[in-house]
Amino acid sequence: MKTATLPPLRVDSELRDAAESVLREGETLSGFVLEAVRLNIERRESQREFIVRGLAARDEAQASGKYVSAEDMLARLDASLAKARGKRAGA
């Protein structure tokens, strides 16, 4: 696999010091920055996929005319939350 570089970053000394202060044993600042970039890519891809699914659900609801009211959905979520809390309390 061909490798490439990311652009160099100019940061103030406080940001660099903060980043260095949280490095784990044996971890380099370059490794930390690379992990941050990877995690941000994953997060943004997940956000994009979430939006795509939401827009598709919206379009499907508009096409079918079948909607769930906000009140019904909140009631369902409340019931699910109560059930989960009940399970956790019993554990």
N, C-alpha and C. Protein backbone atom coordinates (compact mmCIF):
# COMPACT_ATOMS: atom_id res chain seq x y z
N MET A 1 0.85 -1.18 0.00
CA MET A 1 0.00 0.00 0.00
C MET A 1 0.89 1.24 0.00
N LYS A 2 0.57 2.16 -0.85
CA LYS A 2 1.30 3.41 -0.94
C LYS A 2 0.92 4.30 0.23
N THR A 3 1.88 4.94 0.85
CA THR A 3 1.59 5.81 1.99
C THR A 3 1.62 7.26 1.54
N ALA A 4 0.99 8.10 2.33
CA ALA A 4 0.96 9.54 2.08
C ALA A 4 1.10 10.24 3.43
N THR A 5 1.25 11.53 3.40
CA THR A 5 1.36 12.29 4.64
C THR A 5 0.17 13.23 4.78
N LEU A 6 -0.12 13.56 6.01
CA LEU A 6 -1.11 14.59 6.30
C LEU A 6 -0.38 15.92 6.37
N PRO A 7 -1.09 17.01 6.14
CA PRO A 7 -0.42 18.31 6.21
C PRO A 7 0.08 18.59 7.64
N PRO A 8 1.22 19.24 7.74
CA PRO A 8 1.71 19.62 9.07
C PRO A 8 0.74 20.62 9.72
N LEU A 9 0.64 20.54 11.02
CA LEU A 9 -0.29 21.42 11.74
C LEU A 9 0.47 22.39 12.62
N ARG A 10 0.08 23.64 12.57
CA ARG A 10 0.63 24.62 13.49
C ARG A 10 -0.41 24.82 14.58
N VAL A 11 0.02 24.58 15.82
CA VAL A 11 -0.87 24.71 16.96
C VAL A 11 -0.18 25.55 18.02
N ASP A 12 -0.98 26.11 18.91
CA ASP A 12 -0.36 26.86 19.99
C ASP A 12 0.23 25.88 21.00
N SER A 13 1.14 26.37 21.81
CA SER A 13 1.86 25.50 22.73
C SER A 13 0.93 24.86 23.76
N GLU A 14 -0.15 25.54 24.13
CA GLU A 14 -1.07 24.97 25.12
C GLU A 14 -1.75 23.71 24.56
N LEU A 15 -2.13 23.73 23.28
CA LEU A 15 -2.77 22.56 22.68
C LEU A 15 -1.78 21.41 22.60
N ARG A 16 -0.57 21.69 22.18
CA ARG A 16 0.45 20.62 22.11
C ARG A 16 0.72 20.05 23.50
N ASP A 17 0.86 20.93 24.49
CA ASP A 17 1.09 20.46 25.86
C ASP A 17 -0.07 19.60 26.35
N ALA A 18 -1.29 20.01 26.04
CA ALA A 18 -2.47 19.24 26.46
C ALA A 18 -2.46 17.87 25.79
N ALA A 19 -2.13 17.81 24.52
CA ALA A 19 -2.08 16.53 23.81
C ALA A 19 -1.00 15.64 24.40
N GLU A 20 0.16 16.20 24.65
CA GLU A 20 1.25 15.42 25.22
C GLU A 20 0.92 14.94 26.63
N SER A 21 0.13 15.70 27.35
CA SER A 21 -0.18 15.34 28.74
C SER A 21 -1.09 14.12 28.85
N VAL A 22 -1.78 13.77 27.77
CA VAL A 22 -2.69 12.62 27.81
C VAL A 22 -2.15 11.41 27.06
N LEU A 23 -0.93 11.48 26.57
CA LEU A 23 -0.35 10.34 25.88
C LEU A 23 -0.18 9.17 26.84
N ARG A 24 -0.46 7.99 26.33
CA ARG A 24 -0.27 6.77 27.12
C ARG A 24 1.19 6.35 27.02
N GLU A 25 1.60 5.47 27.91
CA GLU A 25 2.98 5.01 27.92
C GLU A 25 3.32 4.40 26.55
N GLY A 26 4.41 4.87 25.97
CA GLY A 26 4.86 4.38 24.68
C GLY A 26 4.16 4.99 23.48
N GLU A 27 3.14 5.81 23.71
CA GLU A 27 2.40 6.42 22.61
C GLU A 27 3.12 7.69 22.15
N THR A 28 3.16 7.88 20.85
CA THR A 28 3.77 9.09 20.31
C THR A 28 2.70 10.12 19.97
N LEU A 29 3.13 11.34 19.86
CA LEU A 29 2.19 12.40 19.48
C LEU A 29 1.66 12.13 18.07
N SER A 30 2.51 11.64 17.18
CA SER A 30 2.07 11.30 15.82
C SER A 30 1.01 10.20 15.86
N GLY A 31 1.21 9.19 16.69
CA GLY A 31 0.23 8.11 16.82
C GLY A 31 -1.09 8.62 17.37
N PHE A 32 -1.00 9.53 18.33
CA PHE A 32 -2.20 10.12 18.92
C PHE A 32 -2.99 10.89 17.86
N VAL A 33 -2.30 11.70 17.06
CA VAL A 33 -2.95 12.50 16.02
C VAL A 33 -3.56 11.57 14.97
N LEU A 34 -2.84 10.51 14.58
CA LEU A 34 -3.37 9.57 13.61
C LEU A 34 -4.63 8.89 14.12
N GLU A 35 -4.64 8.49 15.39
CA GLU A 35 -5.83 7.88 15.97
C GLU A 35 -7.00 8.88 15.99
N ALA A 36 -6.71 10.13 16.31
CA ALA A 36 -7.76 11.15 16.34
C ALA A 36 -8.37 11.34 14.95
N VAL A 37 -7.53 11.33 13.93
CA VAL A 37 -8.03 11.48 12.56
C VAL A 37 -8.90 10.29 12.19
N ARG A 38 -8.44 9.07 12.51
CA ARG A 38 -9.23 7.87 12.19
C ARG A 38 -10.57 7.89 12.89
N LEU A 39 -10.57 8.22 14.18
CA LEU A 39 -11.82 8.25 14.94
C LEU A 39 -12.78 9.30 14.39
N ASN A 40 -12.27 10.44 13.99
CA ASN A 40 -13.10 11.50 13.43
C ASN A 40 -13.69 11.06 12.09
N ILE A 41 -12.90 10.36 11.28
CA ILE A 41 -13.41 9.84 10.01
C ILE A 41 -14.56 8.88 10.27
N GLU A 42 -14.38 7.94 11.21
CA GLU A 42 -15.44 6.98 11.55
C GLU A 42 -16.70 7.69 12.03
N ARG A 43 -16.53 8.70 12.88
CA ARG A 43 -17.67 9.44 13.41
C ARG A 43 -18.42 10.15 12.30
N ARG A 44 -17.69 10.79 11.42
CA ARG A 44 -18.35 11.51 10.32
C ARG A 44 -19.02 10.58 9.33
N GLU A 45 -18.41 9.42 9.08
CA GLU A 45 -19.06 8.44 8.21
C GLU A 45 -20.36 7.94 8.84
N SER A 46 -20.33 7.70 10.15
CA SER A 46 -21.54 7.26 10.86
C SER A 46 -22.62 8.33 10.80
N GLN A 47 -22.23 9.58 10.98
CA GLN A 47 -23.19 10.68 10.89
C GLN A 47 -23.81 10.75 9.50
N ARG A 48 -22.97 10.62 8.48
CA ARG A 48 -23.46 10.68 7.10
C ARG A 48 -24.43 9.54 6.83
N GLU A 49 -24.10 8.32 7.28
CA GLU A 49 -24.98 7.17 7.08
C GLU A 49 -26.30 7.36 7.83
N PHE A 50 -26.23 7.94 9.04
CA PHE A 50 -27.44 8.21 9.83
C PHE A 50 -28.36 9.16 9.07
N ILE A 51 -27.78 10.20 8.50
CA ILE A 51 -28.57 11.18 7.76
C ILE A 51 -29.18 10.55 6.51
N VAL A 52 -28.40 9.73 5.81
CA VAL A 52 -28.92 9.06 4.62
C VAL A 52 -30.11 8.17 5.00
N ARG A 53 -29.97 7.39 6.10
CA ARG A 53 -31.08 6.53 6.54
C ARG A 53 -32.29 7.36 6.94
N GLY A 54 -32.06 8.47 7.61
CA GLY A 54 -33.17 9.34 8.02
C GLY A 54 -33.90 9.94 6.84
N LEU A 55 -33.16 10.39 5.85
CA LEU A 55 -33.79 10.96 4.66
C LEU A 55 -34.56 9.88 3.89
N ALA A 56 -34.01 8.68 3.83
CA ALA A 56 -34.71 7.59 3.15
C ALA A 56 -35.99 7.24 3.89
N ALA A 57 -35.95 7.22 5.22
CA ALA A 57 -37.14 6.94 6.01
C ALA A 57 -38.19 8.03 5.80
N ARG A 58 -37.74 9.26 5.74
CA ARG A 58 -38.66 10.37 5.48
C ARG A 58 -39.34 10.21 4.13
N ASP A 59 -38.54 9.90 3.11
CA ASP A 59 -39.09 9.73 1.77
C ASP A 59 -40.07 8.57 1.72
N GLU A 60 -39.74 7.48 2.40
CA GLU A 60 -40.63 6.33 2.44
C GLU A 60 -41.95 6.68 3.13
N ALA A 61 -41.85 7.42 4.24
CA ALA A 61 -43.07 7.83 4.95
C ALA A 61 -43.93 8.74 4.08
N GLN A 62 -43.28 9.66 3.38
CA GLN A 62 -44.03 10.56 2.50
C GLN A 62 -44.71 9.78 1.38
N ALA A 63 -44.00 8.80 0.82
CA ALA A 63 -44.56 8.03 -0.29
C ALA A 63 -45.71 7.14 0.16
N SER A 64 -45.59 6.59 1.37
CA SER A 64 -46.62 5.66 1.85
C SER A 64 -47.74 6.36 2.60
N GLY A 65 -47.44 7.54 3.10
CA GLY A 65 -48.42 8.25 3.92
C GLY A 65 -48.52 7.70 5.33
N LYS A 66 -47.63 6.78 5.69
CA LYS A 66 -47.65 6.18 7.04
C LYS A 66 -46.63 6.89 7.92
N TYR A 67 -47.14 7.53 8.95
CA TYR A 67 -46.29 8.25 9.88
C TYR A 67 -46.58 7.77 11.30
N VAL A 68 -45.63 7.96 12.18
CA VAL A 68 -45.84 7.73 13.61
C VAL A 68 -45.74 9.10 14.25
N SER A 69 -46.73 9.44 15.06
CA SER A 69 -46.71 10.76 15.69
C SER A 69 -45.57 10.85 16.70
N ALA A 70 -45.15 12.07 16.95
CA ALA A 70 -44.09 12.28 17.93
C ALA A 70 -44.52 11.77 19.30
N GLU A 71 -45.78 11.96 19.66
CA GLU A 71 -46.27 11.51 20.96
C GLU A 71 -46.20 9.99 21.08
N ASP A 72 -46.62 9.29 20.01
CA ASP A 72 -46.54 7.83 20.02
C ASP A 72 -45.10 7.34 20.12
N MET A 73 -44.21 7.97 19.37
CA MET A 73 -42.82 7.55 19.40
C MET A 73 -42.20 7.81 20.77
N LEU A 74 -42.50 8.96 21.36
CA LEU A 74 -41.97 9.24 22.70
C LEU A 74 -42.51 8.26 23.72
N ALA A 75 -43.76 7.87 23.59
CA ALA A 75 -44.34 6.87 24.50
C ALA A 75 -43.63 5.53 24.35
N ARG A 76 -43.35 5.15 23.11
CA ARG A 76 -42.62 3.89 22.88
C ARG A 76 -41.22 3.95 23.48
N LEU A 77 -40.55 5.07 23.29
CA LEU A 77 -39.20 5.22 23.84
C LEU A 77 -39.22 5.20 25.36
N ASP A 78 -40.21 5.87 25.95
CA ASP A 78 -40.35 5.85 27.42
C ASP A 78 -40.57 4.43 27.92
N ALA A 79 -41.38 3.65 27.22
CA ALA A 79 -41.64 2.27 27.62
C ALA A 79 -40.37 1.43 27.50
N SER A 80 -39.61 1.62 26.44
CA SER A 80 -38.36 0.89 26.27
C SER A 80 -37.36 1.25 27.36
N LEU A 81 -37.29 2.52 27.69
CA LEU A 81 -36.38 2.97 28.73
C LEU A 81 -36.78 2.40 30.09
N ALA A 82 -38.07 2.42 30.39
CA ALA A 82 -38.55 1.87 31.66
C ALA A 82 -38.24 0.38 31.74
N LYS A 83 -38.42 -0.33 30.64
CA LYS A 83 -38.13 -1.76 30.62
C LYS A 83 -36.65 -2.01 30.85
N ALA A 84 -35.79 -1.24 30.19
CA ALA A 84 -34.34 -1.40 30.35
C ALA A 84 -33.92 -1.08 31.77
N ARG A 85 -34.49 -0.04 32.34
CA ARG A 85 -34.15 0.30 33.73
C ARG A 85 -34.61 -0.78 34.69
N GLY A 86 -35.77 -1.37 34.40
CA GLY A 86 -36.27 -2.47 35.23
C GLY A 86 -35.36 -3.67 35.19
N LYS A 87 -34.84 -3.99 34.02
CA LYS A 87 -33.91 -5.10 33.87
C LYS A 87 -32.62 -4.83 34.62
N ARG A 88 -32.14 -3.60 34.51
CA ARG A 88 -30.88 -3.24 35.16
C ARG A 88 -31.03 -3.26 36.68
N ALA A 89 -32.18 -2.80 37.17
CA ALA A 89 -32.41 -2.78 38.61
C ALA A 89 -32.52 -4.21 39.16
N GLY A 90 -33.03 -5.12 38.35
CA GLY A 90 -33.19 -6.50 38.77
C GLY A 90 -31.90 -7.30 38.70
N ALA A 91 -30.91 -6.77 37.99
CA ALA A 91 -29.64 -7.50 37.80
C ALA A 91 -28.73 -7.42 38.99
